[in-house]
Amino acid sequence: MEKVIISGVPLKYIEFYLAEIADSIKPGGLYVGPDWEIQVVCMKDKRFRNITIPQTKIIFISDADTLEGLVHRFRMKFMSAGG
């Protein structure tokens, strides 16, 4: 199963987090865990007037149960309440 999200979190923070949880890192931004893979793809930044927001496509690949947990933990890690 696969889930794709687009994140506005800076790439270096995403890479650091995924490196912490992955068993191995393969060329091309592929992070591999025991029963999952996450592919990170850089995209063009989004610009809104004077604000530039980074965009990164993150592709989560795993079975349904593992996938749900991976995506939830990722979102909780980078949740922001402003400020």
PDB file of N, CA and C in Angstrom:
ATOM      1  N   MET A   1       0.848  -1.169   0.000  1.00  0.00           N
ATOM      2  CA  MET A   1       0.000   0.000   0.000  1.00  0.00           C
ATOM      3  C   MET A   1       0.896   1.235   0.000  1.00  0.00           C
ATOM      4  N   GLU A   2       0.379   2.329  -0.534  1.00  0.00           N
ATOM      5  CA  GLU A   2       1.170   3.549  -0.678  1.00  0.00           C
ATOM      6  C   GLU A   2       0.362   4.771  -0.269  1.00  0.00           C
ATOM      7  N   LYS A   3       1.041   5.720   0.377  1.00  0.00           N
ATOM      8  CA  LYS A   3       0.416   7.002   0.735  1.00  0.00           C
ATOM      9  C   LYS A   3       1.415   8.095   0.409  1.00  0.00           C
ATOM     10  N   VAL A   4       0.953   9.132  -0.287  1.00  0.00           N
ATOM     11  CA  VAL A   4       1.809  10.243  -0.674  1.00  0.00           C
ATOM     12  C   VAL A   4       1.344  11.500   0.050  1.00  0.00           C
ATOM     13  N   ILE A   5       2.290  12.207   0.663  1.00  0.00           N
ATOM     14  CA  ILE A   5       1.966  13.499   1.247  1.00  0.00           C
ATOM     15  C   ILE A   5       2.991  14.518   0.745  1.00  0.00           C
ATOM     16  N   ILE A   6       2.566  15.763   0.696  1.00  0.00           N
ATOM     17  CA  ILE A   6       3.452  16.866   0.358  1.00  0.00           C
ATOM     18  C   ILE A   6       3.675  17.639   1.652  1.00  0.00           C
ATOM     19  N   SER A   7       4.931  17.817   2.019  1.00  0.00           N
ATOM     20  CA  SER A   7       5.272  18.454   3.286  1.00  0.00           C
ATOM     21  C   SER A   7       5.947  19.794   3.052  1.00  0.00           C
ATOM     22  N   GLY A   8       5.685  20.750   3.934  1.00  0.00           N
ATOM     23  CA  GLY A   8       6.342  22.047   3.910  1.00  0.00           C
ATOM     24  C   GLY A   8       7.473  22.132   4.918  1.00  0.00           C
ATOM     25  N   VAL A   9       7.811  21.007   5.527  1.00  0.00           N
ATOM     26  CA  VAL A   9       8.924  20.939   6.482  1.00  0.00           C
ATOM     27  C   VAL A   9      10.231  20.959   5.687  1.00  0.00           C
ATOM     28  N   PRO A  10      11.215  21.739   6.119  1.00  0.00           N
ATOM     29  CA  PRO A  10      12.495  21.747   5.411  1.00  0.00           C
ATOM     30  C   PRO A  10      13.082  20.339   5.264  1.00  0.00           C
ATOM     31  N   LEU A  11      13.640  20.074   4.103  1.00  0.00           N
ATOM     32  CA  LEU A  11      14.160  18.755   3.763  1.00  0.00           C
ATOM     33  C   LEU A  11      15.151  18.218   4.796  1.00  0.00           C
ATOM     34  N   LYS A  12      16.030  19.063   5.316  1.00  0.00           N
ATOM     35  CA  LYS A  12      17.048  18.580   6.253  1.00  0.00           C
ATOM     36  C   LYS A  12      16.415  17.982   7.511  1.00  0.00           C
ATOM     37  N   TYR A  13      15.281  18.530   7.952  1.00  0.00           N
ATOM     38  CA  TYR A  13      14.609  17.988   9.139  1.00  0.00           C
ATOM     39  C   TYR A  13      13.950  16.643   8.826  1.00  0.00           C
ATOM     40  N   ILE A  14      13.365  16.545   7.645  1.00  0.00           N
ATOM     41  CA  ILE A  14      12.753  15.281   7.220  1.00  0.00           C
ATOM     42  C   ILE A  14      13.827  14.193   7.122  1.00  0.00           C
ATOM     43  N   GLU A  15      14.937  14.521   6.467  1.00  0.00           N
ATOM     44  CA  GLU A  15      16.026  13.548   6.304  1.00  0.00           C
ATOM     45  C   GLU A  15      16.590  13.109   7.650  1.00  0.00           C
ATOM     46  N   PHE A  16      16.755  14.039   8.574  1.00  0.00           N
ATOM     47  CA  PHE A  16      17.286  13.698   9.896  1.00  0.00           C
ATOM     48  C   PHE A  16      16.340  12.739  10.622  1.00  0.00           C
ATOM     49  N   TYR A  17      15.051  13.037  10.608  1.00  0.00           N
ATOM     50  CA  TYR A  17      14.064  12.179  11.259  1.00  0.00           C
ATOM     51  C   TYR A  17      14.049  10.781  10.646  1.00  0.00           C
ATOM     52  N   LEU A  18      14.006  10.720   9.315  1.00  0.00           N
ATOM     53  CA  LEU A  18      13.938   9.412   8.654  1.00  0.00           C
ATOM     54  C   LEU A  18      15.219   8.607   8.873  1.00  0.00           C
ATOM     55  N   ALA A  19      16.363   9.272   8.918  1.00  0.00           N
ATOM     56  CA  ALA A  19      17.628   8.571   9.183  1.00  0.00           C
ATOM     57  C   ALA A  19      17.617   7.948  10.581  1.00  0.00           C
ATOM     58  N   GLU A  20      16.945   8.612  11.530  1.00  0.00           N
ATOM     59  CA  GLU A  20      16.848   8.078  12.891  1.00  0.00           C
ATOM     60  C   GLU A  20      16.010   6.805  12.960  1.00  0.00           C
ATOM     61  N   ILE A  21      14.946   6.720  12.156  1.00  0.00           N
ATOM     62  CA  ILE A  21      14.029   5.583  12.275  1.00  0.00           C
ATOM     63  C   ILE A  21      14.308   4.466  11.264  1.00  0.00           C
ATOM     64  N   ALA A  22      15.090   4.762  10.229  1.00  0.00           N
ATOM     65  CA  ALA A  22      15.345   3.769   9.176  1.00  0.00           C
ATOM     66  C   ALA A  22      16.444   2.790   9.572  1.00  0.00           C
ATOM     67  N   ASP A  23      16.345   1.583   9.031  1.00  0.00           N
ATOM     68  CA  ASP A  23      17.412   0.592   9.194  1.00  0.00           C
ATOM     69  C   ASP A  23      18.549   0.873   8.220  1.00  0.00           C
ATOM     70  N   SER A  24      18.194   1.393   7.039  1.00  0.00           N
ATOM     71  CA  SER A  24      19.206   1.729   6.033  1.00  0.00           C
ATOM     72  C   SER A  24      18.699   2.839   5.131  1.00  0.00           C
ATOM     73  N   ILE A  25      19.656   3.495   4.474  1.00  0.00           N
ATOM     74  CA  ILE A  25      19.342   4.567   3.542  1.00  0.00           C
ATOM     75  C   ILE A  25      19.968   4.196   2.211  1.00  0.00           C
ATOM     76  N   LYS A  26      19.162   4.200   1.180  1.00  0.00           N
ATOM     77  CA  LYS A  26      19.642   3.843  -0.154  1.00  0.00           C
ATOM     78  C   LYS A  26      19.744   5.111  -1.005  1.00  0.00           C
ATOM     79  N   PRO A  27      20.515   5.052  -2.083  1.00  0.00           N
ATOM     80  CA  PRO A  27      20.651   6.226  -2.947  1.00  0.00           C
ATOM     81  C   PRO A  27      19.288   6.699  -3.476  1.00  0.00           C
ATOM     82  N   GLY A  28      19.207   8.002  -3.723  1.00  0.00           N
ATOM     83  CA  GLY A  28      17.986   8.558  -4.291  1.00  0.00           C
ATOM     84  C   GLY A  28      16.923   8.887  -3.266  1.00  0.00           C
ATOM     85  N   GLY A  29      17.298   8.988  -1.982  1.00  0.00           N
ATOM     86  CA  GLY A  29      16.340   9.376  -0.954  1.00  0.00           C
ATOM     87  C   GLY A  29      15.389   8.283  -0.521  1.00  0.00           C
ATOM     88  N   LEU A  30      15.849   7.035  -0.559  1.00  0.00           N
ATOM     89  CA  LEU A  30      15.012   5.908  -0.139  1.00  0.00           C
ATOM     90  C   LEU A  30      15.441   5.444   1.252  1.00  0.00           C
ATOM     91  N   TYR A  31      14.507   5.513   2.186  1.00  0.00           N
ATOM     92  CA  TYR A  31      14.743   5.095   3.569  1.00  0.00           C
ATOM     93  C   TYR A  31      13.999   3.782   3.779  1.00  0.00           C
ATOM     94  N   VAL A  32      14.700   2.779   4.334  1.00  0.00           N
ATOM     95  CA  VAL A  32      14.138   1.434   4.447  1.00  0.00           C
ATOM     96  C   VAL A  32      14.100   1.016   5.919  1.00  0.00           C
ATOM     97  N   GLY A  33      12.919   0.564   6.339  1.00  0.00           N
ATOM     98  CA  GLY A  33      12.737   0.027   7.681  1.00  0.00           C
ATOM     99  C   GLY A  33      12.472  -1.457   7.596  1.00  0.00           C
ATOM    100  N   PRO A  34      12.122  -2.070   8.724  1.00  0.00           N
ATOM    101  CA  PRO A  34      11.932  -3.525   8.735  1.00  0.00           C
ATOM    102  C   PRO A  34      10.815  -4.016   7.818  1.00  0.00           C
ATOM    103  N   ASP A  35       9.754  -3.242   7.685  1.00  0.00           N
ATOM    104  CA  ASP A  35       8.637  -3.651   6.824  1.00  0.00           C
ATOM    105  C   ASP A  35       8.026  -2.459   6.101  1.00  0.00           C
ATOM    106  N   TRP A  36       8.874  -1.475   5.803  1.00  0.00           N
ATOM    107  CA  TRP A  36       8.395  -0.279   5.113  1.00  0.00           C
ATOM    108  C   TRP A  36       9.517   0.383   4.327  1.00  0.00           C
ATOM    109  N   GLU A  37       9.122   1.253   3.395  1.00  0.00           N
ATOM    110  CA  GLU A  37      10.038   2.105   2.649  1.00  0.00           C
ATOM    111  C   GLU A  37       9.421   3.491   2.573  1.00  0.00           C
ATOM    112  N   ILE A  38      10.286   4.490   2.625  1.00  0.00           N
ATOM    113  CA  ILE A  38       9.833   5.867   2.454  1.00  0.00           C
ATOM    114  C   ILE A  38      10.749   6.522   1.428  1.00  0.00           C
ATOM    115  N   GLN A  39      10.154   7.034   0.368  1.00  0.00           N
ATOM    116  CA  GLN A  39      10.898   7.725  -0.691  1.00  0.00           C
ATOM    117  C   GLN A  39      10.682   9.221  -0.523  1.00  0.00           C
ATOM    118  N   VAL A  40      11.776   9.980  -0.533  1.00  0.00           N
ATOM    119  CA  VAL A  40      11.708  11.426  -0.390  1.00  0.00           C
ATOM    120  C   VAL A  40      12.093  12.066  -1.725  1.00  0.00           C
ATOM    121  N   VAL A  41      11.229  12.953  -2.221  1.00  0.00           N
ATOM    122  CA  VAL A  41      11.454  13.600  -3.512  1.00  0.00           C
ATOM    123  C   VAL A  41      11.359  15.112  -3.324  1.00  0.00           C
ATOM    124  N   CYS A  42      12.426  15.830  -3.656  1.00  0.00           N
ATOM    125  CA  CYS A  42      12.415  17.291  -3.577  1.00  0.00           C
ATOM    126  C   CYS A  42      11.540  17.854  -4.685  1.00  0.00           C
ATOM    127  N   MET A  43      10.791  18.885  -4.331  1.00  0.00           N
ATOM    128  CA  MET A  43       9.936  19.556  -5.303  1.00  0.00           C
ATOM    129  C   MET A  43      10.284  21.040  -5.306  1.00  0.00           C
ATOM    130  N   LYS A  44       9.759  21.745  -6.273  1.00  0.00           N
ATOM    131  CA  LYS A  44       9.983  23.187  -6.353  1.00  0.00           C
ATOM    132  C   LYS A  44       9.272  23.871  -5.185  1.00  0.00           C
ATOM    133  N   ASP A  45       9.963  24.842  -4.549  1.00  0.00           N
ATOM    134  CA  ASP A  45       9.358  25.598  -3.459  1.00  0.00           C
ATOM    135  C   ASP A  45       8.101  26.316  -3.935  1.00  0.00           C
ATOM    136  N   LYS A  46       7.156  26.482  -3.017  1.00  0.00           N
ATOM    137  CA  LYS A  46       5.910  27.194  -3.288  1.00  0.00           C
ATOM    138  C   LYS A  46       6.099  28.629  -2.811  1.00  0.00           C
ATOM    139  N   ARG A  47       5.730  29.583  -3.635  1.00  0.00           N
ATOM    140  CA  ARG A  47       5.908  30.993  -3.272  1.00  0.00           C
ATOM    141  C   ARG A  47       4.543  31.674  -3.195  1.00  0.00           C
ATOM    142  N   PHE A  48       4.295  32.320  -2.059  1.00  0.00           N
ATOM    143  CA  PHE A  48       3.082  33.102  -1.836  1.00  0.00           C
ATOM    144  C   PHE A  48       3.520  34.519  -1.471  1.00  0.00           C
ATOM    145  N   ARG A  49       3.441  35.412  -2.430  1.00  0.00           N
ATOM    146  CA  ARG A  49       3.901  36.789  -2.250  1.00  0.00           C
ATOM    147  C   ARG A  49       5.332  36.804  -1.719  1.00  0.00           C
ATOM    148  N   ASN A  50       5.545  37.186  -0.453  1.00  0.00           N
ATOM    149  CA  ASN A  50       6.896  37.282   0.110  1.00  0.00           C
ATOM    150  C   ASN A  50       7.318  36.043   0.885  1.00  0.00           C
ATOM    151  N   ILE A  51       6.486  35.024   0.885  1.00  0.00           N
ATOM    152  CA  ILE A  51       6.773  33.819   1.672  1.00  0.00           C
ATOM    153  C   ILE A  51       7.106  32.669   0.724  1.00  0.00           C
ATOM    154  N   THR A  52       8.191  31.985   1.017  1.00  0.00           N
ATOM    155  CA  THR A  52       8.565  30.799   0.257  1.00  0.00           C
ATOM    156  C   THR A  52       8.470  29.594   1.180  1.00  0.00           C
ATOM    157  N   ILE A  53       7.749  28.571   0.741  1.00  0.00           N
ATOM    158  CA  ILE A  53       7.558  27.358   1.538  1.00  0.00           C
ATOM    159  C   ILE A  53       8.180  26.185   0.789  1.00  0.00           C
ATOM    160  N   PRO A  54       9.086  25.466   1.457  1.00  0.00           N
ATOM    161  CA  PRO A  54       9.673  24.292   0.800  1.00  0.00           C
ATOM    162  C   PRO A  54       8.605  23.229   0.584  1.00  0.00           C
ATOM    163  N   GLN A  55       8.780  22.442  -0.455  1.00  0.00           N
ATOM    164  CA  GLN A  55       7.860  21.335  -0.698  1.00  0.00           C
ATOM    165  C   GLN A  55       8.661  20.061  -0.929  1.00  0.00           C
ATOM    166  N   THR A  56       8.267  19.044  -0.218  1.00  0.00           N
ATOM    167  CA  THR A  56       8.890  17.738  -0.365  1.00  0.00           C
ATOM    168  C   THR A  56       7.794  16.700  -0.482  1.00  0.00           C
ATOM    169  N   LYS A  57       7.892  15.848  -1.493  1.00  0.00           N
ATOM    170  CA  LYS A  57       6.951  14.740  -1.646  1.00  0.00           C
ATOM    171  C   LYS A  57       7.514  13.556  -0.869  1.00  0.00           C
ATOM    172  N   ILE A  58       6.682  12.979  -0.020  1.00  0.00           N
ATOM    173  CA  ILE A  58       7.086  11.828   0.781  1.00  0.00           C
ATOM    174  C   ILE A  58       6.141  10.683   0.448  1.00  0.00           C
ATOM    175  N   ILE A  59       6.722   9.588  -0.015  1.00  0.00           N
ATOM    176  CA  ILE A  59       5.942   8.421  -0.423  1.00  0.00           C
ATOM    177  C   ILE A  59       6.187   7.306   0.591  1.00  0.00           C
ATOM    178  N   PHE A  60       5.158   6.969   1.336  1.00  0.00           N
ATOM    179  CA  PHE A  60       5.217   5.912   2.341  1.00  0.00           C
ATOM    180  C   PHE A  60       4.726   4.627   1.698  1.00  0.00           C
ATOM    181  N   ILE A  61       5.482   3.536   1.841  1.00  0.00           N
ATOM    182  CA  ILE A  61       5.100   2.247   1.252  1.00  0.00           C
ATOM    183  C   ILE A  61       5.197   1.166   2.324  1.00  0.00           C
ATOM    184  N   SER A  62       4.075   0.496   2.575  1.00  0.00           N
ATOM    185  CA  SER A  62       4.038  -0.577   3.569  1.00  0.00           C
ATOM    186  C   SER A  62       2.664  -1.234   3.544  1.00  0.00           C
ATOM    187  N   ASP A  63       2.468  -2.208   4.446  1.00  0.00           N
ATOM    188  CA  ASP A  63       1.135  -2.787   4.592  1.00  0.00           C
ATOM    189  C   ASP A  63       0.243  -1.760   5.291  1.00  0.00           C
ATOM    190  N   ALA A  64      -1.050  -1.945   5.234  1.00  0.00           N
ATOM    191  CA  ALA A  64      -2.018  -0.948   5.712  1.00  0.00           C
ATOM    192  C   ALA A  64      -1.804  -0.554   7.172  1.00  0.00           C
ATOM    193  N   ASP A  65      -1.613  -1.521   8.058  1.00  0.00           N
ATOM    194  CA  ASP A  65      -1.467  -1.207   9.486  1.00  0.00           C
ATOM    195  C   ASP A  65      -0.192  -0.428   9.770  1.00  0.00           C
ATOM    196  N   THR A  66       0.911  -0.865   9.200  1.00  0.00           N
ATOM    197  CA  THR A  66       2.187  -0.185   9.408  1.00  0.00           C
ATOM    198  C   THR A  66       2.145   1.208   8.787  1.00  0.00           C
ATOM    199  N   LEU A  67       1.547   1.315   7.623  1.00  0.00           N
ATOM    200  CA  LEU A  67       1.464   2.587   6.900  1.00  0.00           C
ATOM    201  C   LEU A  67       0.755   3.642   7.736  1.00  0.00           C
ATOM    202  N   GLU A  68      -0.361   3.278   8.314  1.00  0.00           N
ATOM    203  CA  GLU A  68      -1.126   4.215   9.130  1.00  0.00           C
ATOM    204  C   GLU A  68      -0.286   4.757  10.286  1.00  0.00           C
ATOM    205  N   GLY A  69       0.441   3.876  10.959  1.00  0.00           N
ATOM    206  CA  GLY A  69       1.289   4.295  12.072  1.00  0.00           C
ATOM    207  C   GLY A  69       2.450   5.176  11.636  1.00  0.00           C
ATOM    208  N   LEU A  70       3.077   4.832  10.515  1.00  0.00           N
ATOM    209  CA  LEU A  70       4.199   5.623   9.992  1.00  0.00           C
ATOM    210  C   LEU A  70       3.769   7.052   9.676  1.00  0.00           C
ATOM    211  N   VAL A  71       2.668   7.180   8.967  1.00  0.00           N
ATOM    212  CA  VAL A  71       2.182   8.498   8.574  1.00  0.00           C
ATOM    213  C   VAL A  71       1.769   9.294   9.811  1.00  0.00           C
ATOM    214  N   HIS A  72       1.097   8.649  10.750  1.00  0.00           N
ATOM    215  CA  HIS A  72       0.666   9.327  11.982  1.00  0.00           C
ATOM    216  C   HIS A  72       1.879   9.842  12.755  1.00  0.00           C
ATOM    217  N   ARG A  73       2.900   9.004  12.944  1.00  0.00           N
ATOM    218  CA  ARG A  73       4.100   9.431  13.682  1.00  0.00           C
ATOM    219  C   ARG A  73       4.825  10.566  12.965  1.00  0.00           C
ATOM    220  N   PHE A  74       4.883  10.504  11.633  1.00  0.00           N
ATOM    221  CA  PHE A  74       5.511  11.577  10.863  1.00  0.00           C
ATOM    222  C   PHE A  74       4.764  12.888  11.091  1.00  0.00           C
ATOM    223  N   ARG A  75       3.462  12.839  10.983  1.00  0.00           N
ATOM    224  CA  ARG A  75       2.662  14.062  11.155  1.00  0.00           C
ATOM    225  C   ARG A  75       2.777  14.610  12.574  1.00  0.00           C
ATOM    226  N   MET A  76       2.792  13.746  13.564  1.00  0.00           N
ATOM    227  CA  MET A  76       2.926  14.198  14.945  1.00  0.00           C
ATOM    228  C   MET A  76       4.311  14.826  15.187  1.00  0.00           C
ATOM    229  N   LYS A  77       5.329  14.260  14.585  1.00  0.00           N
ATOM    230  CA  LYS A  77       6.694  14.783  14.743  1.00  0.00           C
ATOM    231  C   LYS A  77       6.796  16.220  14.247  1.00  0.00           C
ATOM    232  N   PHE A  78       6.116  16.513  13.134  1.00  0.00           N
ATOM    233  CA  PHE A  78       6.270  17.814  12.512  1.00  0.00           C
ATOM    234  C   PHE A  78       5.051  18.727  12.670  1.00  0.00           C
ATOM    235  N   MET A  79       4.152  18.355  13.575  1.00  0.00           N
ATOM    236  CA  MET A  79       2.981  19.189  13.813  1.00  0.00           C
ATOM    237  C   MET A  79       3.431  20.521  14.417  1.00  0.00           C
ATOM    238  N   SER A  80       2.819  21.583  13.959  1.00  0.00           N
ATOM    239  CA  SER A  80       3.163  22.907  14.471  1.00  0.00           C
ATOM    240  C   SER A  80       1.894  23.631  14.864  1.00  0.00           C
ATOM    241  N   ALA A  81       1.974  24.327  15.976  1.00  0.00           N
ATOM    242  CA  ALA A  81       0.838  25.122  16.428  1.00  0.00           C
ATOM    243  C   ALA A  81       1.140  26.604  16.231  1.00  0.00           C
ATOM    244  N   GLY A  82       2.092  26.880  15.390  1.00  0.00           N
ATOM    245  CA  GLY A  82       2.449  28.280  15.124  1.00  0.00           C
ATOM    246  C   GLY A  82       3.474  28.790  16.124  1.00  0.00           C
ATOM    247  N   GLY A  83       3.892  29.985  15.904  1.00  0.00           N
ATOM    248  CA  GLY A  83       4.830  30.635  16.835  1.00  0.00           C
ATOM    249  C   GLY A  83       6.187  30.286  16.471  1.00  0.00           C
TER     250      GLY A  83
END
